[in-house]
Amino acid sequence: MALTLPVRRREKARRTRTGIALTTPTALLFVLPAAALFAVLILYPMLAALSYSFFDWQGTKQGGFAGVANYVTLLTKEPYASELWNAFGHNLLLFAGALVFQNSLGLGIATLLHRRGRTKRFFQTIFALPYLVSPMVIGYLWSLMLSPLFGPINAILRGVGLEALALPWLGDPNLAIWVIVLVSAWQWIGFPILLYGAALGGIPEEIEEAAALDGATASKRFRYITLPMLTPTIGIITVLTFIGSMESMAIPFALAGSNGAPAGSTDVMMLLFYRTAFESGNPNSIGVSSALATVLFIFIMVISVVITSTMRRAERKLF
C-alpha cells in the first residue's frame, strides 16, 4: 500500500499535466488579444521604422532604396550630427540623475518607511501620487511654479530674504537641464519606493533578527543582508530607469519646448526625433527620423541586455 501511493500520485500528476496540455489551444485564445495588440501597436511600427530608414523619401512618398545613407546623414551631416550627441549626452545625464536622486533616495525612503506601522501606506501614497499624474501636467505645473515673473518659488525666496537664490531656473543654460533632472526624479520617485517597499517586505525577518543577535549593527545588516537581497529589484529598477530616461520627452517638452531651450541645453533624443520628423522641413524627414528611432532602439536594447546580464551575474555570485 505504501508503495502504490506514490505511484498513484505520479499518475495523477501525469494526468493533470496532460489535461493542461490539452487545454493549450484554449489558453492561446486568452493570449491572442494581447499578442495582437503587441503586434499592431509595437512590433509593426518597429519593423516599419526599420524599413523606412533604408529608403529615400519625398514627403510621404517613398522613393528608391537608400541603403545606409539616412544613417550617414544622421551621424555626419549638420545639424543632425551636433544635435544628436548633445541630446544623447543630456539623456545620459537624466539617467545618472535618476540613479542618484530618484533611485537612491527612493531606496532610502522605502527603507525608512518599511518599519513604520500605520503611516507606511499613507506616505507611500503621498510619494506615489506624482507618479500617477501625466508627465505633461507635471511639466506645465513646474514651469508655472518656476516662472521668474509670477512663480511662487521665486516669490517665496524673495519673501524670506533669499533674493540671490531667485534665479531664472529655466532661462539659464547651466541650470535648465538640472531642473529637468530634479523634476523628473521628483515625479518618478514613487515608483522605486513602491518596488523597494515590496522587495523589503519579502525579506524574512528571521535573517535580520539572527544577524542582530550576532551583534551586527543596523548599518552592517543593511549592507551585508538587505542590500544583497535587493539585487534583483535594483536590476529591474535600473533597467526601467534607463529605458525611461532614454525615452524621456514629456517633461523636457513641457518645461523647455521642442527646441530644448535655452540654446539646446535641455535637448533630448525624443525631442530631436520630434523636430526631425515634424519640424525640420527636410523632404526626407521620414527616412532620417526613422534612422534615429532605429539607432535609439538598438542602443536601448543593447544596454538593457548588458545591465540585465551584469545584475544576474552579481545575483548568482551572492546567492
C-alpha atoms as a PDB file:
ATOM      1  CA  MET A   1       0.000   0.000   0.000  1.00  0.00           C
ATOM      2  CA  ALA A   2       2.834   2.357   0.887  1.00  0.00           C
ATOM      3  CA  LEU A   3       4.481   1.688  -2.469  1.00  0.00           C
ATOM      4  CA  THR A   4       1.359   2.176  -4.554  1.00  0.00           C
ATOM      5  CA  LEU A   5       0.536   5.607  -3.056  1.00  0.00           C
ATOM      6  CA  PRO A   6       3.476   7.458  -4.703  1.00  0.00           C
ATOM      7  CA  VAL A   7       2.700   5.663  -7.956  1.00  0.00           C
ATOM      8  CA  ARG A   8      -0.900   6.867  -7.824  1.00  0.00           C
ATOM      9  CA  ARG A   9       0.277  10.382  -7.091  1.00  0.00           C
ATOM     10  CA  ARG A  10       2.636  10.332 -10.057  1.00  0.00           C
ATOM     11  CA  GLU A  11      -0.156   9.013 -12.273  1.00  0.00           C
ATOM     12  CA  LYS A  12      -2.483  11.751 -11.065  1.00  0.00           C
ATOM     13  CA  ALA A  13       0.201  14.371 -11.716  1.00  0.00           C
ATOM     14  CA  ARG A  14       0.734  12.934 -15.209  1.00  0.00           C
ATOM     15  CA  ARG A  15      -2.986  13.138 -15.984  1.00  0.00           C
ATOM     16  CA  THR A  16      -3.057  16.700 -14.639  1.00  0.00           C
ATOM     17  CA  ARG A  17      -0.171  17.717 -16.904  1.00  0.00           C
ATOM     18  CA  THR A  18      -1.868  16.025 -19.827  1.00  0.00           C
ATOM     19  CA  GLY A  19      -5.061  17.900 -19.072  1.00  0.00           C
ATOM     20  CA  ILE A  20      -3.197  21.193 -19.100  1.00  0.00           C
ATOM     21  CA  ALA A  21      -1.566  20.297 -22.406  1.00  0.00           C
ATOM     22  CA  LEU A  22      -4.949  19.507 -23.921  1.00  0.00           C
ATOM     23  CA  THR A  23      -6.217  22.954 -22.968  1.00  0.00           C
ATOM     24  CA  THR A  24      -3.297  24.752 -24.650  1.00  0.00           C
ATOM     25  CA  PRO A  25      -5.421  25.938 -27.627  1.00  0.00           C
ATOM     26  CA  THR A  26      -7.874  27.419 -25.138  1.00  0.00           C
ATOM     27  CA  ALA A  27      -5.042  29.150 -23.324  1.00  0.00           C
ATOM     28  CA  LEU A  28      -3.797  30.570 -26.626  1.00  0.00           C
ATOM     29  CA  LEU A  29      -7.195  32.185 -27.147  1.00  0.00           C
ATOM     30  CA  PHE A  30      -6.624  34.229 -23.992  1.00  0.00           C
ATOM     31  CA  VAL A  31      -3.116  35.201 -25.118  1.00  0.00           C
ATOM     32  CA  LEU A  32      -4.204  36.103 -28.655  1.00  0.00           C
ATOM     33  CA  PRO A  33      -5.734  39.562 -27.900  1.00  0.00           C
ATOM     34  CA  ALA A  34      -2.597  40.722 -26.082  1.00  0.00           C
ATOM     35  CA  ALA A  35      -0.384  39.286 -28.829  1.00  0.00           C
ATOM     36  CA  ALA A  36      -2.478  41.024 -31.493  1.00  0.00           C
ATOM     37  CA  LEU A  37      -2.207  44.371 -29.695  1.00  0.00           C
ATOM     38  CA  PHE A  38       1.548  43.923 -29.303  1.00  0.00           C
ATOM     39  CA  ALA A  39       1.921  43.083 -32.997  1.00  0.00           C
ATOM     40  CA  VAL A  40      -0.193  46.022 -34.187  1.00  0.00           C
ATOM     41  CA  LEU A  41       0.919  48.728 -31.744  1.00  0.00           C
ATOM     42  CA  ILE A  42       4.572  47.803 -31.114  1.00  0.00           C
ATOM     43  CA  LEU A  43       6.018  45.170 -33.448  1.00  0.00           C
ATOM     44  CA  TYR A  44       4.647  46.566 -36.726  1.00  0.00           C
ATOM     45  CA  PRO A  45       5.716  50.199 -36.020  1.00  0.00           C
ATOM     46  CA  MET A  46       9.196  48.981 -35.091  1.00  0.00           C
ATOM     47  CA  LEU A  47       9.601  46.979 -38.273  1.00  0.00           C
ATOM     48  CA  ALA A  48       8.075  49.793 -40.326  1.00  0.00           C
ATOM     49  CA  ALA A  49      10.523  52.349 -38.898  1.00  0.00           C
ATOM     50  CA  LEU A  50      13.401  49.988 -39.642  1.00  0.00           C
ATOM     51  CA  SER A  51      12.309  49.569 -43.252  1.00  0.00           C
ATOM     52  CA  TYR A  52      11.626  53.307 -43.714  1.00  0.00           C
ATOM     53  CA  SER A  53      15.180  54.099 -42.594  1.00  0.00           C
ATOM     54  CA  PHE A  54      16.615  52.342 -45.662  1.00  0.00           C
ATOM     55  CA  PHE A  55      14.634  54.349 -48.228  1.00  0.00           C
ATOM     56  CA  ASP A  56      14.709  57.876 -49.585  1.00  0.00           C
ATOM     57  CA  TRP A  57      11.517  59.895 -49.050  1.00  0.00           C
ATOM     58  CA  GLN A  58       9.929  62.903 -50.694  1.00  0.00           C
ATOM     59  CA  GLY A  59       7.449  63.980 -48.070  1.00  0.00           C
ATOM     60  CA  THR A  60       5.225  60.980 -47.542  1.00  0.00           C
ATOM     61  CA  LYS A  61       6.126  59.425 -50.890  1.00  0.00           C
ATOM     62  CA  GLN A  62       8.628  56.588 -50.684  1.00  0.00           C
ATOM     63  CA  GLY A  63      11.491  56.809 -53.136  1.00  0.00           C
ATOM     64  CA  GLY A  64      14.258  54.435 -54.030  1.00  0.00           C
ATOM     65  CA  PHE A  65      16.375  52.251 -51.795  1.00  0.00           C
ATOM     66  CA  ALA A  66      18.951  54.415 -49.994  1.00  0.00           C
ATOM     67  CA  GLY A  67      20.909  51.820 -48.052  1.00  0.00           C
ATOM     68  CA  VAL A  68      22.584  53.392 -45.034  1.00  0.00           C
ATOM     69  CA  ALA A  69      22.504  56.929 -46.478  1.00  0.00           C
ATOM     70  CA  ASN A  70      19.996  58.106 -43.861  1.00  0.00           C
ATOM     71  CA  TYR A  71      22.262  56.822 -41.073  1.00  0.00           C
ATOM     72  CA  VAL A  72      25.244  58.618 -42.651  1.00  0.00           C
ATOM     73  CA  THR A  73      23.202  61.823 -42.797  1.00  0.00           C
ATOM     74  CA  LEU A  74      22.176  61.442 -39.176  1.00  0.00           C
ATOM     75  CA  LEU A  75      25.693  60.856 -37.883  1.00  0.00           C
ATOM     76  CA  THR A  76      27.803  63.121 -40.115  1.00  0.00           C
ATOM     77  CA  LYS A  77      25.746  65.996 -41.534  1.00  0.00           C
ATOM     78  CA  GLU A  78      24.619  69.128 -39.755  1.00  0.00           C
ATOM     79  CA  PRO A  79      22.507  69.988 -37.895  1.00  0.00           C
ATOM     80  CA  TYR A  80      21.830  66.354 -37.034  1.00  0.00           C
ATOM     81  CA  ALA A  81      25.366  65.345 -36.029  1.00  0.00           C
ATOM     82  CA  SER A  82      25.928  68.011 -33.356  1.00  0.00           C
ATOM     83  CA  GLU A  83      22.354  67.908 -32.099  1.00  0.00           C
ATOM     84  CA  LEU A  84      22.444  64.119 -31.827  1.00  0.00           C
ATOM     85  CA  TRP A  85      25.430  63.999 -29.466  1.00  0.00           C
ATOM     86  CA  ASN A  86      24.183  66.986 -27.482  1.00  0.00           C
ATOM     87  CA  ALA A  87      20.790  65.339 -26.922  1.00  0.00           C
ATOM     88  CA  PHE A  88      22.383  61.964 -26.233  1.00  0.00           C
ATOM     89  CA  GLY A  89      24.556  63.462 -23.512  1.00  0.00           C
ATOM     90  CA  HIS A  90      21.505  65.014 -21.847  1.00  0.00           C
ATOM     91  CA  ASN A  91      19.719  61.645 -21.853  1.00  0.00           C
ATOM     92  CA  LEU A  92      22.695  60.065 -20.113  1.00  0.00           C
ATOM     93  CA  LEU A  93      22.631  62.919 -17.613  1.00  0.00           C
ATOM     94  CA  LEU A  94      18.959  62.240 -16.967  1.00  0.00           C
ATOM     95  CA  PHE A  95      19.793  58.589 -16.325  1.00  0.00           C
ATOM     96  CA  ALA A  96      22.654  59.440 -13.966  1.00  0.00           C
ATOM     97  CA  GLY A  97      20.453  61.949 -12.147  1.00  0.00           C
ATOM     98  CA  ALA A  98      17.705  59.373 -11.799  1.00  0.00           C
ATOM     99  CA  LEU A  99      20.139  56.873 -10.267  1.00  0.00           C
ATOM    100  CA  VAL A 100      21.460  59.457  -7.795  1.00  0.00           C
ATOM    101  CA  PHE A 101      18.346  61.413  -6.847  1.00  0.00           C
ATOM    102  CA  GLN A 102      15.444  59.130  -7.725  1.00  0.00           C
ATOM    103  CA  ASN A 103      16.530  55.553  -7.129  1.00  0.00           C
ATOM    104  CA  SER A 104      18.988  56.108  -4.277  1.00  0.00           C
ATOM    105  CA  LEU A 105      16.629  58.416  -2.440  1.00  0.00           C
ATOM    106  CA  GLY A 106      13.764  56.041  -3.229  1.00  0.00           C
ATOM    107  CA  LEU A 107      15.663  53.180  -1.593  1.00  0.00           C
ATOM    108  CA  GLY A 108      16.363  55.306   1.469  1.00  0.00           C
ATOM    109  CA  ILE A 109      12.747  56.387   1.819  1.00  0.00           C
ATOM    110  CA  ALA A 110      11.463  52.841   1.276  1.00  0.00           C
ATOM    111  CA  THR A 111      13.842  51.598   3.988  1.00  0.00           C
ATOM    112  CA  LEU A 112      12.659  54.264   6.434  1.00  0.00           C
ATOM    113  CA  LEU A 113       9.007  53.522   5.682  1.00  0.00           C
ATOM    114  CA  HIS A 114       9.465  49.759   5.949  1.00  0.00           C
ATOM    115  CA  ARG A 115       9.335  49.754   9.752  1.00  0.00           C
ATOM    116  CA  ARG A 116       6.622  52.371  10.100  1.00  0.00           C
ATOM    117  CA  GLY A 117       3.323  50.770  11.028  1.00  0.00           C
ATOM    118  CA  ARG A 118       0.125  52.621  10.265  1.00  0.00           C
ATOM    119  CA  THR A 119       1.672  55.606   8.492  1.00  0.00           C
ATOM    120  CA  LYS A 120       3.568  53.466   5.980  1.00  0.00           C
ATOM    121  CA  ARG A 121       0.722  53.235   3.447  1.00  0.00           C
ATOM    122  CA  PHE A 122      -0.081  56.916   3.847  1.00  0.00           C
ATOM    123  CA  PHE A 123       3.443  58.068   2.988  1.00  0.00           C
ATOM    124  CA  GLN A 124       3.742  55.550   0.156  1.00  0.00           C
ATOM    125  CA  THR A 125       0.565  57.002  -1.333  1.00  0.00           C
ATOM    126  CA  ILE A 126       1.843  60.573  -0.954  1.00  0.00           C
ATOM    127  CA  PHE A 127       5.115  59.777  -2.699  1.00  0.00           C
ATOM    128  CA  ALA A 128       3.360  57.793  -5.447  1.00  0.00           C
ATOM    129  CA  LEU A 129       0.802  60.498  -6.332  1.00  0.00           C
ATOM    130  CA  PRO A 130       3.085  62.462  -8.742  1.00  0.00           C
ATOM    131  CA  TYR A 131       3.943  59.182 -10.473  1.00  0.00           C
ATOM    132  CA  LEU A 132       0.244  58.725 -11.289  1.00  0.00           C
ATOM    133  CA  VAL A 133      -0.099  62.158 -12.926  1.00  0.00           C
ATOM    134  CA  SER A 134       0.676  62.762 -16.596  1.00  0.00           C
ATOM    135  CA  PRO A 135       4.275  63.992 -17.142  1.00  0.00           C
ATOM    136  CA  MET A 136       2.936  66.793 -19.358  1.00  0.00           C
ATOM    137  CA  VAL A 137       0.789  68.072 -16.495  1.00  0.00           C
ATOM    138  CA  ILE A 138       3.738  67.817 -14.108  1.00  0.00           C
ATOM    139  CA  GLY A 139       5.943  69.723 -16.538  1.00  0.00           C
ATOM    140  CA  TYR A 140       3.474  72.553 -17.086  1.00  0.00           C
ATOM    141  CA  LEU A 141       2.807  72.905 -13.348  1.00  0.00           C
ATOM    142  CA  TRP A 142       6.519  73.164 -12.597  1.00  0.00           C
ATOM    143  CA  SER A 143       7.010  75.659 -15.428  1.00  0.00           C
ATOM    144  CA  LEU A 144       4.413  77.883 -13.748  1.00  0.00           C
ATOM    145  CA  MET A 145       5.956  77.462 -10.300  1.00  0.00           C
ATOM    146  CA  LEU A 146       9.452  78.247 -11.626  1.00  0.00           C
ATOM    147  CA  SER A 147       8.375  81.302 -13.617  1.00  0.00           C
ATOM    148  CA  PRO A 148      10.701  84.238 -12.794  1.00  0.00           C
ATOM    149  CA  LEU A 149       7.796  86.690 -13.100  1.00  0.00           C
ATOM    150  CA  PHE A 150       4.929  85.175 -11.127  1.00  0.00           C
ATOM    151  CA  GLY A 151       6.209  81.792  -9.952  1.00  0.00           C
ATOM    152  CA  PRO A 152       5.638  81.046  -6.257  1.00  0.00           C
ATOM    153  CA  ILE A 153       9.118  79.558  -5.759  1.00  0.00           C
ATOM    154  CA  ASN A 154      10.979  82.779  -6.528  1.00  0.00           C
ATOM    155  CA  ALA A 155       8.312  84.762  -4.680  1.00  0.00           C
ATOM    156  CA  ILE A 156       8.900  82.676  -1.539  1.00  0.00           C
ATOM    157  CA  LEU A 157      12.674  83.047  -1.844  1.00  0.00           C
ATOM    158  CA  ARG A 158      12.349  86.833  -2.124  1.00  0.00           C
ATOM    159  CA  GLY A 159       9.879  86.891   0.745  1.00  0.00           C
ATOM    160  CA  VAL A 160      12.326  85.216   3.135  1.00  0.00           C
ATOM    161  CA  GLY A 161      15.249  87.401   2.087  1.00  0.00           C
ATOM    162  CA  LEU A 162      16.948  84.955  -0.288  1.00  0.00           C
ATOM    163  CA  GLU A 163      16.754  87.114  -3.397  1.00  0.00           C
ATOM    164  CA  ALA A 164      20.131  85.837  -4.577  1.00  0.00           C
ATOM    165  CA  LEU A 165      18.561  82.378  -4.993  1.00  0.00           C
ATOM    166  CA  ALA A 166      15.594  83.678  -7.017  1.00  0.00           C
ATOM    167  CA  LEU A 167      17.036  82.598 -10.348  1.00  0.00           C
ATOM    168  CA  PRO A 168      15.735  82.221 -13.906  1.00  0.00           C
ATOM    169  CA  TRP A 169      15.583  78.466 -13.449  1.00  0.00           C
ATOM    170  CA  LEU A 170      14.509  77.608 -16.987  1.00  0.00           C
ATOM    171  CA  GLY A 171      16.293  80.516 -18.678  1.00  0.00           C
ATOM    172  CA  ASP A 172      19.842  79.760 -17.583  1.00  0.00           C
ATOM    173  CA  PRO A 173      21.539  77.150 -19.825  1.00  0.00           C
ATOM    174  CA  ASN A 174      23.601  75.942 -16.876  1.00  0.00           C
ATOM    175  CA  LEU A 175      20.546  75.388 -14.662  1.00  0.00           C
ATOM    176  CA  ALA A 176      17.784  74.282 -17.021  1.00  0.00           C
ATOM    177  CA  ILE A 177      18.929  70.694 -17.548  1.00  0.00           C
ATOM    178  CA  TRP A 178      19.345  70.195 -13.787  1.00  0.00           C
ATOM    179  CA  VAL A 179      15.817  71.462 -13.265  1.00  0.00           C
ATOM    180  CA  ILE A 180      14.575  68.797 -15.679  1.00  0.00           C
ATOM    181  CA  VAL A 181      16.641  66.144 -13.869  1.00  0.00           C
ATOM    182  CA  LEU A 182      15.194  67.106 -10.476  1.00  0.00           C
ATOM    183  CA  VAL A 183      11.607  67.467 -11.718  1.00  0.00           C
ATOM    184  CA  SER A 184      11.802  64.062 -13.413  1.00  0.00           C
ATOM    185  CA  ALA A 185      13.239  62.495 -10.262  1.00  0.00           C
ATOM    186  CA  TRP A 186      10.552  64.172  -8.147  1.00  0.00           C
ATOM    187  CA  GLN A 187       7.777  62.743 -10.290  1.00  0.00           C
ATOM    188  CA  TRP A 188       9.100  59.193 -10.632  1.00  0.00           C
ATOM    189  CA  ILE A 189      10.466  58.680  -7.116  1.00  0.00           C
ATOM    190  CA  GLY A 190       7.241  56.939  -6.089  1.00  0.00           C
ATOM    191  CA  PHE A 191       7.954  54.082  -8.498  1.00  0.00           C
ATOM    192  CA  PRO A 192      11.187  52.822  -6.857  1.00  0.00           C
ATOM    193  CA  ILE A 193       9.683  53.443  -3.422  1.00  0.00           C
ATOM    194  CA  LEU A 194       6.850  51.040  -4.199  1.00  0.00           C
ATOM    195  CA  LEU A 195       9.123  48.394  -5.728  1.00  0.00           C
ATOM    196  CA  TYR A 196      11.721  48.618  -2.979  1.00  0.00           C
ATOM    197  CA  GLY A 197       8.969  48.541  -0.375  1.00  0.00           C
ATOM    198  CA  ALA A 198       7.572  45.327  -1.840  1.00  0.00           C
ATOM    199  CA  ALA A 199      11.060  43.778  -2.016  1.00  0.00           C
ATOM    200  CA  LEU A 200      11.837  44.736   1.585  1.00  0.00           C
ATOM    201  CA  GLY A 201       8.589  43.131   2.659  1.00  0.00           C
ATOM    202  CA  GLY A 202       9.725  39.869   1.057  1.00  0.00           C
ATOM    203  CA  ILE A 203      12.951  39.621   3.099  1.00  0.00           C
ATOM    204  CA  PRO A 204      12.447  37.192   6.004  1.00  0.00           C
ATOM    205  CA  GLU A 205      12.669  38.992   9.326  1.00  0.00           C
ATOM    206  CA  GLU A 206      14.388  35.978  10.865  1.00  0.00           C
ATOM    207  CA  ILE A 207      17.561  36.696   8.889  1.00  0.00           C
ATOM    208  CA  GLU A 208      17.952  40.205  10.251  1.00  0.00           C
ATOM    209  CA  GLU A 209      16.981  39.080  13.740  1.00  0.00           C
ATOM    210  CA  ALA A 210      19.674  36.410  13.659  1.00  0.00           C
ATOM    211  CA  ALA A 211      22.253  38.944  12.465  1.00  0.00           C
ATOM    212  CA  ALA A 212      21.206  41.352  15.234  1.00  0.00           C
ATOM    213  CA  LEU A 213      21.661  38.601  17.829  1.00  0.00           C
ATOM    214  CA  ASP A 214      25.152  38.022  16.440  1.00  0.00           C
ATOM    215  CA  GLY A 215      25.963  41.680  17.121  1.00  0.00           C
ATOM    216  CA  ALA A 216      25.585  43.170  13.630  1.00  0.00           C
ATOM    217  CA  THR A 217      24.697  46.862  13.673  1.00  0.00           C
ATOM    218  CA  ALA A 218      21.844  48.304  11.630  1.00  0.00           C
ATOM    219  CA  SER A 219      24.247  49.663   9.001  1.00  0.00           C
ATOM    220  CA  LYS A 220      26.008  46.292   8.667  1.00  0.00           C
ATOM    221  CA  ARG A 221      22.688  44.452   8.417  1.00  0.00           C
ATOM    222  CA  PHE A 222      21.645  46.790   5.625  1.00  0.00           C
ATOM    223  CA  ARG A 223      24.973  46.485   3.798  1.00  0.00           C
ATOM    224  CA  TYR A 224      25.528  42.756   4.080  1.00  0.00           C
ATOM    225  CA  ILE A 225      21.954  41.403   4.235  1.00  0.00           C
ATOM    226  CA  THR A 226      19.324  43.823   2.955  1.00  0.00           C
ATOM    227  CA  LEU A 227      21.224  45.331   0.021  1.00  0.00           C
ATOM    228  CA  PRO A 228      22.411  41.999  -1.470  1.00  0.00           C
ATOM    229  CA  MET A 229      18.889  40.577  -1.219  1.00  0.00           C
ATOM    230  CA  LEU A 230      17.596  43.623  -3.089  1.00  0.00           C
ATOM    231  CA  THR A 231      19.891  42.926  -6.074  1.00  0.00           C
ATOM    232  CA  PRO A 232      17.106  41.593  -8.369  1.00  0.00           C
ATOM    233  CA  THR A 233      14.924  44.616  -7.605  1.00  0.00           C
ATOM    234  CA  ILE A 234      17.838  47.008  -8.103  1.00  0.00           C
ATOM    235  CA  GLY A 235      18.458  45.427 -11.506  1.00  0.00           C
ATOM    236  CA  ILE A 236      14.819  45.781 -12.584  1.00  0.00           C
ATOM    237  CA  ILE A 237      14.622  49.389 -11.434  1.00  0.00           C
ATOM    238  CA  THR A 238      17.922  50.254 -13.124  1.00  0.00           C
ATOM    239  CA  VAL A 239      16.802  48.837 -16.476  1.00  0.00           C
ATOM    240  CA  LEU A 240      13.394  50.522 -16.328  1.00  0.00           C
ATOM    241  CA  THR A 241      15.009  53.806 -15.266  1.00  0.00           C
ATOM    242  CA  PHE A 242      17.450  53.605 -18.172  1.00  0.00           C
ATOM    243  CA  ILE A 243      14.673  52.971 -20.679  1.00  0.00           C
ATOM    244  CA  GLY A 244      12.553  55.784 -19.247  1.00  0.00           C
ATOM    245  CA  SER A 245      15.485  58.228 -19.250  1.00  0.00           C
ATOM    246  CA  MET A 246      16.409  57.484 -22.850  1.00  0.00           C
ATOM    247  CA  GLU A 247      12.775  57.861 -23.954  1.00  0.00           C
ATOM    248  CA  SER A 248      12.099  60.994 -21.900  1.00  0.00           C
ATOM    249  CA  MET A 249      10.174  63.656 -23.786  1.00  0.00           C
ATOM    250  CA  ALA A 250       7.076  64.926 -21.968  1.00  0.00           C
ATOM    251  CA  ILE A 251       8.764  66.811 -19.108  1.00  0.00           C
ATOM    252  CA  PRO A 252      11.531  68.388 -21.272  1.00  0.00           C
ATOM    253  CA  PHE A 253       8.890  69.363 -23.847  1.00  0.00           C
ATOM    254  CA  ALA A 254       6.585  70.905 -21.235  1.00  0.00           C
ATOM    255  CA  LEU A 255       9.382  72.791 -19.483  1.00  0.00           C
ATOM    256  CA  ALA A 256      11.514  73.922 -22.426  1.00  0.00           C
ATOM    257  CA  GLY A 257       9.616  73.325 -25.674  1.00  0.00           C
ATOM    258  CA  SER A 258      10.530  71.223 -28.681  1.00  0.00           C
ATOM    259  CA  ASN A 259      13.805  73.106 -29.348  1.00  0.00           C
ATOM    260  CA  GLY A 260      15.349  72.217 -25.991  1.00  0.00           C
ATOM    261  CA  ALA A 261      15.583  75.845 -24.911  1.00  0.00           C
ATOM    262  CA  PRO A 262      17.596  77.703 -23.879  1.00  0.00           C
ATOM    263  CA  ALA A 263      20.188  77.203 -26.626  1.00  0.00           C
ATOM    264  CA  GLY A 264      19.691  73.446 -26.782  1.00  0.00           C
ATOM    265  CA  SER A 265      20.723  72.971 -23.148  1.00  0.00           C
ATOM    266  CA  THR A 266      17.673  70.773 -22.429  1.00  0.00           C
ATOM    267  CA  ASP A 267      17.530  68.896 -25.719  1.00  0.00           C
ATOM    268  CA  VAL A 268      16.970  65.122 -25.542  1.00  0.00           C
ATOM    269  CA  MET A 269      16.765  62.344 -28.113  1.00  0.00           C
ATOM    270  CA  MET A 270      12.993  62.230 -28.352  1.00  0.00           C
ATOM    271  CA  LEU A 271      12.790  65.997 -28.878  1.00  0.00           C
ATOM    272  CA  LEU A 272      15.352  65.648 -31.654  1.00  0.00           C
ATOM    273  CA  PHE A 273      13.266  62.862 -33.171  1.00  0.00           C
ATOM    274  CA  TYR A 274      10.138  65.058 -32.975  1.00  0.00           C
ATOM    275  CA  ARG A 275      11.863  68.003 -34.651  1.00  0.00           C
ATOM    276  CA  THR A 276      13.434  65.796 -37.317  1.00  0.00           C
ATOM    277  CA  ALA A 277      10.131  64.132 -38.162  1.00  0.00           C
ATOM    278  CA  PHE A 278       7.747  67.107 -37.985  1.00  0.00           C
ATOM    279  CA  GLU A 279       9.619  70.431 -37.853  1.00  0.00           C
ATOM    280  CA  SER A 280      12.809  70.059 -39.900  1.00  0.00           C
ATOM    281  CA  GLY A 281      11.386  70.913 -43.297  1.00  0.00           C
ATOM    282  CA  ASN A 282      13.596  68.209 -44.812  1.00  0.00           C
ATOM    283  CA  PRO A 283      11.755  66.318 -47.590  1.00  0.00           C
ATOM    284  CA  ASN A 284      13.491  63.169 -46.372  1.00  0.00           C
ATOM    285  CA  SER A 285      12.410  63.686 -42.765  1.00  0.00           C
ATOM    286  CA  ILE A 286      10.754  60.257 -42.563  1.00  0.00           C
ATOM    287  CA  GLY A 287      13.959  58.483 -43.579  1.00  0.00           C
ATOM    288  CA  VAL A 288      16.244  60.391 -41.200  1.00  0.00           C
ATOM    289  CA  SER A 289      13.826  60.263 -38.257  1.00  0.00           C
ATOM    290  CA  SER A 290      13.319  56.516 -38.801  1.00  0.00           C
ATOM    291  CA  ALA A 291      17.093  56.061 -38.747  1.00  0.00           C
ATOM    292  CA  LEU A 292      17.232  57.993 -35.475  1.00  0.00           C
ATOM    293  CA  ALA A 293      14.469  55.844 -33.972  1.00  0.00           C
ATOM    294  CA  THR A 294      16.282  52.672 -35.041  1.00  0.00           C
ATOM    295  CA  VAL A 295      19.616  53.803 -33.582  1.00  0.00           C
ATOM    296  CA  LEU A 296      17.940  54.734 -30.294  1.00  0.00           C
ATOM    297  CA  PHE A 297      16.100  51.407 -30.117  1.00  0.00           C
ATOM    298  CA  ILE A 298      19.270  49.381 -30.753  1.00  0.00           C
ATOM    299  CA  PHE A 299      21.194  51.353 -28.139  1.00  0.00           C
ATOM    300  CA  ILE A 300      18.467  50.940 -25.514  1.00  0.00           C
ATOM    301  CA  MET A 301      18.132  47.222 -26.252  1.00  0.00           C
ATOM    302  CA  VAL A 302      21.891  46.525 -26.099  1.00  0.00           C
ATOM    303  CA  ILE A 303      22.498  48.482 -22.889  1.00  0.00           C
ATOM    304  CA  SER A 304      19.416  46.977 -21.243  1.00  0.00           C
ATOM    305  CA  VAL A 305      20.683  43.475 -22.047  1.00  0.00           C
ATOM    306  CA  VAL A 306      24.118  44.371 -20.665  1.00  0.00           C
ATOM    307  CA  ILE A 307      22.659  45.775 -17.430  1.00  0.00           C
ATOM    308  CA  THR A 308      20.376  42.745 -17.013  1.00  0.00           C
ATOM    309  CA  SER A 309      23.231  40.288 -17.613  1.00  0.00           C
ATOM    310  CA  THR A 310      25.501  42.146 -15.192  1.00  0.00           C
ATOM    311  CA  MET A 311      22.898  42.181 -12.430  1.00  0.00           C
ATOM    312  CA  ARG A 312      22.129  38.488 -12.951  1.00  0.00           C
ATOM    313  CA  ARG A 313      25.808  37.582 -12.642  1.00  0.00           C
ATOM    314  CA  ALA A 314      26.016  39.634  -9.454  1.00  0.00           C
ATOM    315  CA  GLU A 315      22.901  37.908  -8.158  1.00  0.00           C
ATOM    316  CA  ARG A 316      24.331  34.439  -8.862  1.00  0.00           C
ATOM    317  CA  LYS A 317      27.544  35.309  -7.028  1.00  0.00           C
ATOM    318  CA  LEU A 318      25.579  36.449  -3.994  1.00  0.00           C
ATOM    319  CA  PHE A 319      23.160  33.523  -3.852  1.00  0.00           C
END
